[in-house]
Amino acid sequence: MPGLVDPPLSQVWPVRWLGQCLTLAEMELRKLRHDPTELLTRAIQPALWLLVFGEVFTRIHAIPTGDLRYLDFLAPGVLAQSVLFIAIFYGIAVIWERDLGLVHKLLVSPASRAALVLGKALSAGVRALPRRALFICWPGCWV
């Protein structure tokens, strides 16, 4: 039919929704410019657990792990603990933002609520990359 035109790609709802998610994630990640040391300090905690407890308990054989090295025994637990801490910290951040009135400002924006949640989750995932890199690069975890 003449006169019918496909809408531009930016108006198709999955593309628009993904753009909203990425925009909110970018907004959250811009906060790293004000405190770039956050990435380093959040990576220190699991490193200390692996270094202190992993190396010490390996040497004193305090917990019997059979044929499994203690670092291999400890690493999944430290990884799970790191994921839990990330979830707790970002839950607290949302509560702080609610108390400051930022959540109300985001809720009246044209972005859907699901895009707001996914955008926050994406930014938390990016901020957790130093911890993931630590577990991948830790010399004792994969030997």
Protein backbone atom coordinates (compact mmCIF):
# COMPACT_ATOMS: atom_id res chain seq x y z
CA MET A 1 0.00 0.00 0.00
CA PRO A 2 1.29 3.42 -0.79
CA GLY A 3 1.90 5.62 2.19
CA LEU A 4 2.83 2.79 4.62
CA VAL A 5 6.39 3.03 5.78
CA ASP A 6 8.24 0.82 8.22
CA PRO A 7 9.10 2.69 11.41
CA PRO A 8 12.75 3.60 11.88
CA LEU A 9 14.81 1.03 13.74
CA SER A 10 15.08 3.29 16.79
CA GLN A 11 11.30 3.11 17.25
CA VAL A 12 11.03 -0.68 17.21
CA TRP A 13 10.36 -1.66 20.83
CA PRO A 14 13.18 -4.23 21.40
CA VAL A 15 15.77 -1.80 20.05
CA ARG A 16 14.30 1.09 22.04
CA TRP A 17 14.17 -1.05 25.20
CA LEU A 18 17.78 -2.17 24.78
CA GLY A 19 18.81 1.44 24.23
CA GLN A 20 17.09 2.41 27.48
CA CYS A 21 18.92 -0.38 29.34
CA LEU A 22 22.28 0.66 27.93
CA THR A 23 21.61 4.32 28.69
CA LEU A 24 20.92 3.59 32.34
CA ALA A 25 23.96 1.31 32.54
CA GLU A 26 26.08 4.11 31.05
CA MET A 27 24.68 6.55 33.60
CA GLU A 28 25.64 4.19 36.42
CA LEU A 29 29.10 3.58 34.98
CA ARG A 30 29.78 7.31 34.71
CA LYS A 31 29.92 7.30 38.48
CA LEU A 32 33.23 5.44 38.16
CA ARG A 33 34.81 8.62 36.82
CA HIS A 34 34.33 10.17 40.25
CA ASP A 35 35.78 7.15 42.08
CA PRO A 36 37.89 4.92 39.79
CA THR A 37 39.57 3.30 42.78
CA GLU A 38 36.30 1.47 43.49
CA LEU A 39 37.20 -1.15 40.90
CA LEU A 40 40.50 -1.87 42.62
CA THR A 41 39.15 -1.87 46.15
CA ARG A 42 36.32 -4.24 45.26
CA ALA A 43 38.84 -6.67 43.77
CA ILE A 44 41.01 -6.65 46.90
CA GLN A 45 38.52 -8.49 49.14
CA PRO A 46 38.44 -11.78 47.21
CA ALA A 47 42.19 -11.54 46.66
CA LEU A 48 42.73 -11.31 50.41
CA TRP A 49 40.48 -14.32 51.02
CA LEU A 50 42.34 -16.39 48.47
CA LEU A 51 45.75 -15.19 49.55
CA VAL A 52 45.38 -15.28 53.32
CA PHE A 53 43.02 -18.16 53.92
CA GLY A 54 43.86 -20.12 50.81
CA GLU A 55 47.61 -20.10 51.26
CA VAL A 56 47.60 -20.42 55.05
CA PHE A 57 45.12 -23.30 55.19
CA THR A 58 46.94 -25.05 52.36
CA ARG A 59 50.13 -25.04 54.40
CA ILE A 60 48.68 -26.09 57.77
CA HIS A 61 46.18 -28.67 56.41
CA ALA A 62 43.53 -27.43 58.86
CA ILE A 63 40.58 -28.66 56.83
CA PRO A 64 40.79 -32.06 55.13
CA THR A 65 39.92 -31.70 51.45
CA GLY A 66 41.09 -35.09 50.24
CA ASP A 67 43.04 -34.93 47.00
CA LEU A 68 41.65 -31.48 46.22
CA ARG A 69 43.94 -28.51 46.77
CA TYR A 70 42.58 -26.04 49.32
CA LEU A 71 42.58 -23.14 46.83
CA ASP A 72 40.42 -25.23 44.50
CA PHE A 73 38.17 -25.98 47.46
CA LEU A 74 37.99 -22.32 48.55
CA ALA A 75 37.68 -20.51 45.19
CA PRO A 76 34.00 -21.37 44.44
CA GLY A 77 32.97 -20.22 47.90
CA VAL A 78 34.87 -16.94 47.58
CA LEU A 79 33.34 -16.42 44.14
CA ALA A 80 29.84 -17.03 45.55
CA GLN A 81 30.59 -14.66 48.43
CA SER A 82 31.71 -11.98 45.97
CA VAL A 83 28.50 -12.33 43.96
CA LEU A 84 26.47 -12.04 47.15
CA PHE A 85 28.35 -8.92 48.26
CA ILE A 86 27.84 -7.30 44.84
CA ALA A 87 24.10 -7.96 45.07
CA ILE A 88 23.95 -6.57 48.61
CA PHE A 89 25.94 -3.42 47.73
CA TYR A 90 23.77 -2.65 44.72
CA GLY A 91 20.59 -3.31 46.69
CA ILE A 92 21.78 -0.82 49.27
CA ALA A 93 22.65 1.66 46.50
CA VAL A 94 19.08 1.47 45.18
CA ILE A 95 17.76 2.16 48.69
CA TRP A 96 20.06 5.19 48.99
CA GLU A 97 18.91 6.43 45.59
CA ARG A 98 15.29 5.97 46.66
CA ASP A 99 15.93 8.01 49.80
CA LEU A 100 17.56 10.76 47.71
CA GLY A 101 14.62 10.81 45.29
CA LEU A 102 16.58 9.55 42.28
CA VAL A 103 14.41 6.46 41.81
CA HIS A 104 11.28 8.62 41.52
CA LYS A 105 12.99 10.68 38.81
CA LEU A 106 13.88 7.51 36.92
CA LEU A 107 10.38 6.09 37.28
CA VAL A 108 8.79 9.11 35.57
CA SER A 109 11.20 8.82 32.63
CA PRO A 110 9.96 7.14 29.46
CA ALA A 111 12.12 4.10 30.19
CA SER A 112 10.28 0.97 31.25
CA ARG A 113 10.79 -0.42 34.73
CA ALA A 114 12.33 -3.59 33.31
CA ALA A 115 14.88 -1.45 31.43
CA LEU A 116 15.73 0.33 34.68
CA VAL A 117 16.35 -2.95 36.47
CA LEU A 118 18.37 -4.47 33.63
CA GLY A 119 20.43 -1.29 33.26
CA LYS A 120 21.35 -1.41 36.95
CA ALA A 121 22.19 -5.11 36.63
CA LEU A 122 24.39 -4.47 33.58
CA SER A 123 26.33 -1.76 35.40
CA ALA A 124 26.80 -4.02 38.42
CA GLY A 125 28.08 -6.74 36.11
CA VAL A 126 30.61 -4.39 34.55
CA ARG A 127 31.75 -3.18 37.94
CA ALA A 128 32.24 -6.80 38.98
CA LEU A 129 34.66 -7.47 36.12
CA PRO A 130 37.80 -6.88 38.24
CA ARG A 131 36.69 -9.65 40.60
CA ARG A 132 36.04 -11.98 37.69
CA ALA A 133 39.41 -11.15 36.19
CA LEU A 134 41.03 -11.91 39.53
CA PHE A 135 39.55 -15.41 39.59
CA ILE A 136 40.55 -16.06 36.00
CA CYS A 137 44.08 -14.74 36.41
CA TRP A 138 44.79 -15.97 39.96
CA PRO A 139 47.83 -18.23 39.57
CA GLY A 140 46.76 -20.84 42.09
CA CYS A 141 43.16 -21.34 40.94
CA TRP A 142 43.73 -23.10 37.63
CA VAL A 143 46.96 -25.02 38.12
